[in-house]
Protein backbone atom coordinates (compact mmCIF):
# COMPACT_ATOMS: atom_id res chain seq x y z
CA MET A 1 -267.00 -88.50 -196.94
CA GLU A 2 -263.05 -87.98 -196.23
CA HIS A 3 -260.93 -88.72 -199.31
CA GLY A 4 -257.13 -89.00 -199.46
CA PRO A 5 -255.16 -86.16 -200.68
CA LEU A 6 -255.08 -85.60 -204.52
CA ARG A 7 -251.96 -86.19 -206.50
CA TRP A 8 -251.74 -85.02 -209.99
CA ALA A 9 -248.74 -85.93 -212.19
CA VAL A 10 -248.10 -85.05 -215.89
CA PHE A 11 -245.45 -86.36 -218.13
CA HIS A 12 -245.04 -84.99 -221.52
CA PHE A 13 -242.69 -86.57 -223.91
CA ARG A 14 -241.39 -85.82 -227.23
CA HIS A 15 -238.50 -86.40 -229.42
CA GLY A 16 -236.55 -88.26 -226.48
CA ARG A 17 -236.73 -84.68 -223.96
CA SER A 18 -238.59 -85.69 -221.27
CA ASN A 19 -240.27 -82.74 -219.17
CA LEU A 20 -242.18 -83.43 -215.57
CA LEU A 21 -245.00 -80.90 -214.49
CA GLY A 22 -246.58 -81.04 -211.29
CA CYS A 23 -244.84 -83.96 -209.39
CA ALA A 24 -244.39 -83.26 -206.02
CA SER A 25 -241.21 -84.66 -205.80
CA PRO A 26 -239.40 -84.90 -209.36
CA SER A 27 -236.49 -86.90 -209.26
CA SER A 28 -233.58 -86.11 -211.65
CA ASP A 29 -232.29 -89.68 -211.72
CA ARG A 30 -235.54 -90.51 -213.27
CA GLU A 31 -235.60 -88.04 -215.72
CA LYS A 32 -232.23 -89.03 -216.95
CA ALA A 33 -233.41 -92.64 -217.07
CA VAL A 34 -236.32 -91.61 -219.07
CA LYS A 35 -233.86 -89.95 -221.40
CA ARG A 36 -232.01 -92.59 -221.87
CA ARG A 37 -234.55 -94.67 -222.39
CA LEU A 38 -236.22 -92.30 -225.33
CA ASP A 39 -232.82 -90.82 -227.00
CA PRO A 40 -232.02 -91.97 -230.45
CA PRO A 41 -232.38 -94.53 -231.95
CA HIS A 42 -234.84 -95.58 -230.20
CA ARG A 43 -236.79 -91.87 -231.13
CA LEU A 44 -240.26 -91.78 -229.48
CA ILE A 45 -242.93 -89.53 -230.43
CA PHE A 46 -245.79 -89.76 -227.59
CA SER A 47 -247.79 -87.48 -224.86
CA LEU A 48 -249.01 -88.75 -221.87
CA SER A 49 -251.09 -87.42 -219.07
CA VAL A 50 -251.69 -89.45 -215.49
CA ILE A 51 -253.80 -88.00 -213.27
CA ILE A 52 -253.95 -89.86 -209.61
CA VAL A 53 -256.44 -89.56 -207.34
CA SER A 54 -256.68 -91.66 -204.08
CA GLU A 55 -260.14 -93.56 -203.45
CA PRO A 56 -262.46 -92.31 -201.03
CA LEU A 57 -261.84 -94.18 -197.32
CA HIS A 58 -264.65 -96.51 -196.39
CA PRO A 59 -264.87 -96.41 -192.40
CA HIS A 60 -263.40 -99.93 -191.53
CA GLN A 61 -260.14 -98.84 -193.29
CA GLY A 62 -257.22 -98.76 -190.75
CA ALA A 63 -253.52 -97.88 -190.96
CA GLY A 64 -252.71 -101.24 -191.93
CA LEU A 65 -255.28 -101.05 -195.03
CA GLN A 66 -254.06 -97.52 -196.55
CA THR A 67 -252.80 -96.72 -199.91
CA PRO A 68 -249.03 -95.34 -200.13
CA ALA A 69 -250.19 -91.82 -200.69
CA ARG A 70 -253.13 -91.71 -197.70
CA ALA A 71 -250.11 -93.42 -195.27
CA ALA A 72 -247.47 -90.22 -196.13
CA SER A 73 -250.56 -87.88 -195.83
CA THR A 74 -251.13 -89.21 -192.21
CA MET A 75 -248.26 -89.93 -190.18
CA ASN A 76 -247.89 -86.35 -189.16
CA ASP A 77 -251.53 -85.73 -188.99
CA HIS A 78 -252.24 -87.05 -184.99
CA SER A 79 -255.52 -85.52 -184.98
CA MET A 80 -257.21 -87.52 -187.54
CA GLU A 81 -259.55 -89.99 -185.86
CA ASP A 82 -259.20 -93.56 -186.33
CA SER A 83 -261.96 -94.58 -187.60
CA MET A 84 -261.24 -98.57 -187.30
CA SER A 85 -261.20 -98.55 -183.53
CA LYS A 86 -265.02 -97.81 -183.76
CA THR A 87 -266.01 -100.50 -185.70
CA GLU A 88 -263.52 -103.30 -185.11
CA ILE A 89 -263.89 -105.47 -182.65
CA ASP A 90 -261.36 -107.35 -180.97
CA ALA A 91 -263.09 -109.01 -178.27
CA LEU A 92 -267.02 -109.10 -177.41
CA PRO A 93 -268.08 -108.87 -173.58
CA ALA A 94 -269.75 -112.20 -172.67
CA GLN A 95 -273.34 -112.31 -173.27
CA HIS A 96 -275.95 -114.33 -173.77
CA GLN A 97 -280.09 -113.89 -174.95
CA SER A 98 -282.36 -116.45 -174.09
CA HIS A 99 -284.68 -115.88 -177.00
CA GLN A 100 -284.40 -116.89 -181.12
CA PRO A 101 -283.82 -115.11 -182.98
CA GLY A 102 -282.32 -112.52 -180.21
CA SER A 103 -282.61 -108.52 -180.06
CA GLU A 104 -280.54 -106.37 -181.41
CA GLN A 105 -281.58 -103.88 -178.45
CA GLN A 106 -280.31 -105.57 -176.13
CA MET A 107 -276.03 -106.73 -177.54
CA GLU A 108 -273.27 -104.75 -176.35
CA PRO A 109 -272.08 -103.46 -178.70
CA ARG A 110 -274.89 -103.02 -180.99
CA PRO A 111 -273.79 -103.80 -184.44
CA HIS A 112 -272.94 -101.37 -187.22
CA SER A 113 -275.58 -101.50 -189.57
CA ALA A 114 -275.38 -97.73 -191.60
CA PRO A 115 -273.54 -98.05 -194.95
CA ALA A 116 -270.08 -96.25 -195.68
CA GLY A 117 -270.37 -93.52 -198.68
CA GLU A 118 -272.78 -91.36 -199.95
CA PRO A 119 -276.11 -92.84 -201.26
CA GLY A 120 -276.41 -93.08 -204.78
CA ARG A 121 -279.81 -93.93 -206.66
CA ARG A 122 -278.98 -97.08 -208.21
CA LEU A 123 -282.37 -99.10 -206.74
CA ALA A 124 -284.31 -96.09 -207.83
CA GLY A 125 -287.70 -97.02 -208.18
CA LYS A 126 -287.09 -100.37 -207.07
CA VAL A 127 -289.04 -101.98 -204.44
CA ALA A 128 -287.36 -104.56 -202.25
CA LEU A 129 -288.54 -107.64 -199.55
CA ILE A 130 -286.38 -109.01 -197.19
CA THR A 131 -287.25 -111.30 -194.91
CA GLY A 132 -285.35 -110.87 -191.36
CA GLY A 133 -284.86 -107.24 -191.73
CA ASP A 134 -285.42 -105.70 -188.59
CA SER A 135 -281.85 -106.48 -187.36
CA GLY A 136 -278.27 -107.48 -188.13
CA ILE A 137 -277.46 -108.34 -191.82
CA GLY A 138 -281.19 -107.78 -193.15
CA ARG A 139 -281.09 -104.28 -191.51
CA ALA A 140 -277.70 -102.96 -193.01
CA VAL A 141 -279.17 -104.24 -196.19
CA ALA A 142 -282.22 -102.78 -195.96
CA LEU A 143 -280.25 -99.26 -195.06
CA ALA A 144 -277.94 -99.78 -197.70
CA TYR A 145 -281.17 -99.85 -200.03
CA ALA A 146 -282.87 -97.25 -198.86
CA ARG A 147 -279.54 -94.89 -199.34
CA GLU A 148 -279.65 -96.51 -203.28
CA GLY A 149 -283.43 -95.19 -203.31
CA ALA A 150 -285.68 -98.62 -202.88
CA ARG A 151 -288.53 -98.42 -201.35
CA LEU A 152 -288.77 -101.68 -198.48
CA ALA A 153 -290.37 -104.21 -197.00
CA ILE A 154 -289.23 -105.61 -193.94
CA VAL A 155 -290.11 -108.91 -192.55
CA TYR A 156 -289.99 -110.16 -188.99
CA LEU A 157 -291.24 -112.54 -185.95
CA ASP A 158 -291.79 -110.43 -183.37
CA GLU A 159 -289.19 -108.28 -181.98
CA GLU A 160 -290.76 -105.19 -182.56
CA GLU A 161 -288.60 -103.17 -180.80
CA ASP A 162 -285.48 -103.61 -183.76
CA ALA A 163 -288.10 -103.73 -186.70
CA ARG A 164 -289.39 -100.31 -185.23
CA GLN A 165 -285.86 -98.80 -184.92
CA THR A 166 -285.65 -99.92 -188.38
CA GLN A 167 -288.46 -98.54 -189.91
CA LYS A 168 -287.28 -95.11 -187.97
CA ASP A 169 -283.74 -95.41 -189.82
CA VAL A 170 -285.29 -96.18 -193.20
CA GLN A 171 -287.59 -93.53 -193.27
CA ALA A 172 -284.96 -90.90 -191.83
CA LEU A 173 -283.49 -91.79 -195.43
CA ASP A 174 -286.53 -90.45 -197.34
CA ALA A 175 -287.52 -94.22 -197.90
CA PRO A 176 -290.81 -95.78 -197.07
CA CYS A 177 -290.61 -98.85 -195.08
CA LEU A 178 -293.47 -101.47 -194.60
CA LEU A 179 -293.62 -103.73 -191.52
CA LEU A 180 -294.69 -107.34 -192.30
CA PRO A 181 -294.52 -109.54 -188.97
CA GLY A 182 -294.69 -113.14 -188.92
CA ASP A 183 -293.53 -116.72 -189.42
CA VAL A 184 -291.45 -117.14 -192.69
CA GLY A 185 -291.71 -120.78 -192.19
CA SER A 186 -295.55 -120.57 -192.96
CA PRO A 187 -296.34 -120.84 -196.28
CA GLU A 188 -299.83 -118.66 -195.66
CA PHE A 189 -297.55 -116.22 -194.09
CA CYS A 190 -295.65 -115.83 -196.88
CA ARG A 191 -298.23 -115.39 -199.35
CA SER A 192 -299.87 -112.76 -197.42
CA ALA A 193 -296.40 -110.84 -197.03
CA VAL A 194 -295.92 -110.81 -201.04
CA ARG A 195 -299.65 -109.66 -201.17
CA ALA A 196 -299.09 -107.03 -198.66
CA VAL A 197 -295.93 -105.53 -200.65
CA MET A 198 -297.62 -105.64 -204.02
CA ASP A 199 -300.72 -103.73 -201.96
CA ALA A 200 -298.45 -101.38 -201.30
CA TYR A 201 -296.16 -100.60 -203.88
CA GLY A 202 -297.59 -102.26 -206.55
CA ARG A 203 -294.43 -103.88 -207.78
CA LEU A 204 -291.69 -106.37 -206.48
CA ASP A 205 -287.65 -106.55 -208.18
CA VAL A 206 -285.53 -107.40 -205.12
CA LEU A 207 -286.58 -110.52 -202.73
CA VAL A 208 -283.69 -110.89 -200.14
CA ASN A 209 -284.32 -114.28 -198.63
CA ASN A 210 -282.46 -113.66 -195.42
CA ALA A 211 -284.28 -114.69 -192.26
CA ALA A 212 -282.36 -117.78 -190.16
CA GLN A 213 -282.62 -119.17 -187.13
CA GLN A 214 -280.15 -122.01 -185.32
CA TYR A 215 -280.02 -123.83 -182.41
CA PRO A 216 -276.39 -125.57 -181.55
CA ALA A 217 -276.19 -128.74 -180.19
CA GLN A 218 -272.81 -130.46 -179.32
CA SER A 219 -273.83 -134.34 -181.00
CA ILE A 220 -276.46 -135.20 -183.65
CA GLU A 221 -278.44 -137.08 -180.90
CA GLU A 222 -279.10 -133.81 -179.09
CA ILE A 223 -281.11 -132.07 -182.32
CA SER A 224 -285.14 -133.05 -181.65
CA GLN A 225 -287.31 -133.51 -184.73
CA ALA A 226 -288.86 -130.58 -183.88
CA GLN A 227 -285.64 -128.59 -184.19
CA LEU A 228 -284.73 -130.39 -186.84
CA GLU A 229 -287.84 -129.74 -188.96
CA HIS A 230 -288.15 -125.92 -187.29
CA THR A 231 -284.54 -124.90 -188.59
CA PHE A 232 -285.22 -126.43 -192.12
CA ARG A 233 -288.52 -124.66 -192.21
CA THR A 234 -287.41 -121.16 -191.24
CA ASN A 235 -284.12 -121.65 -192.83
CA ILE A 236 -284.79 -123.07 -196.09
CA PHE A 237 -288.37 -124.27 -196.70
CA SER A 238 -289.17 -120.47 -196.52
CA MET A 239 -287.21 -119.59 -199.28
CA PHE A 240 -289.06 -122.03 -201.71
CA TYR A 241 -292.44 -120.37 -199.93
CA MET A 242 -291.42 -116.89 -200.58
CA VAL A 243 -289.68 -117.46 -204.81
CA LYS A 244 -293.00 -119.57 -205.17
CA GLU A 245 -295.23 -116.53 -203.75
CA ALA A 246 -293.00 -113.56 -205.49
CA MET A 247 -292.47 -115.60 -209.03
CA PRO A 248 -296.14 -114.05 -210.71
CA PHE A 249 -294.63 -110.48 -209.77
CA LEU A 250 -290.90 -110.65 -210.74
CA THR A 251 -290.11 -109.23 -214.79
CA ARG A 252 -286.80 -109.41 -216.69
CA GLY A 253 -284.00 -107.78 -214.38
CA ALA A 254 -285.62 -108.91 -211.33
CA ARG A 255 -283.54 -110.19 -208.17
CA ILE A 256 -283.53 -113.43 -205.73
CA ILE A 257 -280.48 -112.76 -203.38
CA ASN A 258 -280.15 -115.30 -200.42
CA THR A 259 -278.34 -115.62 -197.72
CA THR A 260 -275.91 -118.73 -197.11
CA SER A 261 -273.59 -119.35 -194.76
CA VAL A 262 -269.37 -120.18 -194.58
CA THR A 263 -270.78 -123.41 -193.06
CA ALA A 264 -271.99 -124.61 -195.67
CA TYR A 265 -269.07 -125.02 -197.13
CA ARG A 266 -266.83 -125.96 -194.11
CA GLY A 267 -269.41 -127.46 -191.98
CA SER A 268 -270.10 -127.20 -188.18
CA LYS A 269 -270.07 -129.62 -185.85
CA HIS A 270 -272.00 -127.63 -183.39
CA LEU A 271 -274.54 -126.30 -185.96
CA VAL A 272 -275.23 -129.38 -188.15
CA ASP A 273 -279.21 -129.03 -188.74
CA TYR A 274 -278.30 -125.37 -189.77
CA ALA A 275 -274.79 -125.96 -191.77
CA ALA A 276 -277.53 -128.57 -193.62
CA THR A 277 -279.99 -126.17 -194.33
CA LYS A 278 -277.27 -123.54 -195.53
CA GLY A 279 -275.58 -125.94 -197.96
CA ALA A 280 -279.18 -126.34 -199.48
CA ILE A 281 -279.11 -122.87 -199.58
CA VAL A 282 -276.34 -123.10 -202.39
CA ALA A 283 -277.89 -125.77 -204.13
CA PHE A 284 -281.12 -123.91 -204.16
CA THR A 285 -279.70 -120.93 -205.63
CA ARG A 286 -277.62 -122.93 -208.20
CA SER A 287 -280.25 -124.66 -209.28
CA LEU A 288 -283.14 -121.66 -209.34
CA SER A 289 -280.74 -119.57 -211.17
CA GLN A 290 -280.54 -121.88 -214.17
CA GLN A 291 -284.42 -122.45 -214.17
CA LEU A 292 -284.95 -118.34 -213.79
CA ALA A 293 -281.86 -117.40 -216.24
CA SER A 294 -284.10 -117.63 -219.44
CA ALA A 295 -286.65 -115.51 -217.98
CA GLY A 296 -284.03 -112.71 -217.04
CA ILE A 297 -284.55 -113.09 -213.10
CA HIS A 298 -280.82 -113.06 -211.41
CA VAL A 299 -280.66 -115.76 -208.63
CA ASN A 300 -277.53 -115.37 -206.31
CA ALA A 301 -275.92 -115.78 -202.81
CA VAL A 302 -274.36 -114.60 -200.05
CA ALA A 303 -272.55 -116.54 -197.43
CA PRO A 304 -271.38 -114.42 -194.73
CA GLY A 305 -268.71 -115.84 -192.46
CA PRO A 306 -268.53 -114.77 -188.32
CA ILE A 307 -270.98 -111.66 -188.33
CA TRP A 308 -271.91 -109.65 -185.29
CA THR A 309 -275.61 -110.25 -185.07
CA PRO A 310 -278.64 -110.59 -182.91
CA LEU A 311 -278.36 -114.41 -183.71
CA ILE A 312 -275.01 -114.74 -182.13
CA PRO A 313 -275.90 -113.90 -178.55
CA ALA A 314 -278.91 -115.51 -178.72
CA SER A 315 -277.55 -118.61 -180.11
CA PHE A 316 -274.00 -119.13 -177.97
CA SER A 317 -273.08 -118.90 -174.51
CA ALA A 318 -271.39 -115.58 -173.36
CA GLU A 319 -267.94 -117.32 -173.03
CA GLU A 320 -268.71 -118.20 -176.91
CA VAL A 321 -269.47 -114.89 -177.65
CA ALA A 322 -266.20 -113.34 -175.82
CA SER A 323 -264.34 -115.39 -178.41
CA PHE A 324 -266.76 -115.46 -181.65
CA GLY A 325 -264.82 -114.19 -184.90
CA LYS A 326 -261.22 -114.79 -183.90
CA ASN A 327 -260.75 -117.86 -185.45
CA VAL A 328 -260.93 -116.24 -188.97
CA PRO A 329 -257.57 -114.38 -190.72
CA LEU A 330 -258.78 -110.91 -189.96
CA GLY A 331 -259.42 -111.83 -186.21
CA ARG A 332 -262.30 -110.32 -185.59
CA PRO A 333 -265.92 -110.97 -186.11
CA GLY A 334 -267.56 -108.58 -189.03
CA GLN A 335 -270.43 -106.21 -189.05
CA PRO A 336 -273.35 -106.23 -190.81
CA ASP A 337 -272.53 -103.18 -192.66
CA GLU A 338 -269.65 -104.82 -194.08
CA VAL A 339 -272.08 -107.53 -195.86
CA ALA A 340 -274.48 -105.41 -197.08
CA PRO A 341 -272.88 -103.81 -200.06
CA ALA A 342 -272.54 -107.73 -201.31
CA TYR A 343 -275.99 -107.38 -201.61
CA VAL A 344 -276.23 -104.14 -203.16
CA PHE A 345 -273.83 -105.13 -205.67
CA LEU A 346 -276.01 -108.16 -206.21
CA ALA A 347 -279.44 -106.28 -206.43
CA THR A 348 -277.93 -103.36 -209.02
CA GLU A 349 -276.77 -103.36 -212.84
CA GLY A 350 -273.69 -103.95 -211.58
CA ALA A 351 -273.98 -107.93 -211.30
CA SER A 352 -276.38 -107.93 -214.41
CA TYR A 353 -273.42 -110.78 -215.90
CA MET A 354 -273.99 -112.81 -212.39
CA THR A 355 -276.31 -115.41 -211.64
CA GLY A 356 -275.98 -118.87 -209.49
CA GLN A 357 -272.91 -117.32 -208.04
CA VAL A 358 -272.27 -116.95 -203.96
CA LEU A 359 -270.17 -114.02 -202.63
CA HIS A 360 -268.13 -114.89 -199.61
CA PRO A 361 -267.55 -111.97 -197.20
CA ASN A 362 -265.97 -113.99 -194.76
CA GLY A 363 -263.22 -112.46 -193.16
CA GLY A 364 -260.73 -113.84 -195.23
CA GLU A 365 -261.07 -117.79 -194.98
CA ILE A 366 -260.95 -119.84 -198.19
CA VAL A 367 -263.54 -121.54 -199.70
CA ASN A 368 -263.56 -123.99 -201.99
CA THR A 369 -266.39 -123.63 -204.26
């Protein structure tokens, strides 16, 4: 892990005298000002030690996000790699996929899924079931959970290549990964998936309802009955099915995390049915959290903005993909590994006083919740 430079300073004040020790650039004017403040009749007696340590740099942190200490240390370091250039995508190549929910293997560039920073053990001994876990946000969450010590089970529709790659990458982090192909819109499949997790691991601690599909339409008249039912069955009915099957095995401290969307809050004229399901997920999350609070089961959600996942080239035209994500304040699409930390937070003890809430990694779009 790359860190910024370590700076330390110790100030010692006593009876109106100031001593500055170990500071890189002591200012005599500053010392005089301090002395004036501490001279009688304001005679103070105290000691203060200050240690200033720069924080680790995140791979997505670029020059515009640097701390003053970091900026000062890098102005003359032309050999330092600009990691932002590897991650941020100003413009996506025009592309389209004809099959929902899309294949990550066919995307150019491939989404960034590996979490930043050193692995921890905040989920050691825990078991997480992630729907839509083969690619995109689900894959990034699986990798992030694996680095925190969790054992994984990922549900996916039929994207075998993506699923096998995710399983391989999770296993490389010394975590087991159970693959469960099937349609989350089927209550029978959801029952078999949860039972498979219990058979394999004997417990279930974190349920991430992430699977979704979307079909753009210019007019509500273009949304067929079959499409409407399919979108709702995949995006929201599946969450009811999964939670109902998981409930007998979830104990106090368990987490349910649902993926909603920024479209739940601002709408989308081209994704009316999809946005409607995402709004339903917000209401589902809030209502279920109230129902399960007394049982100590936390229910929260994440509402991503424009994130570069297989669902994008599988949903939009090549021209639309080329401009995807440019309309948010940060001016670019987000990467799955920029969203995964929200799911890690909600799954760990850091979120022990949160339930019924929604986190918003959306590129800076203001959301009124």
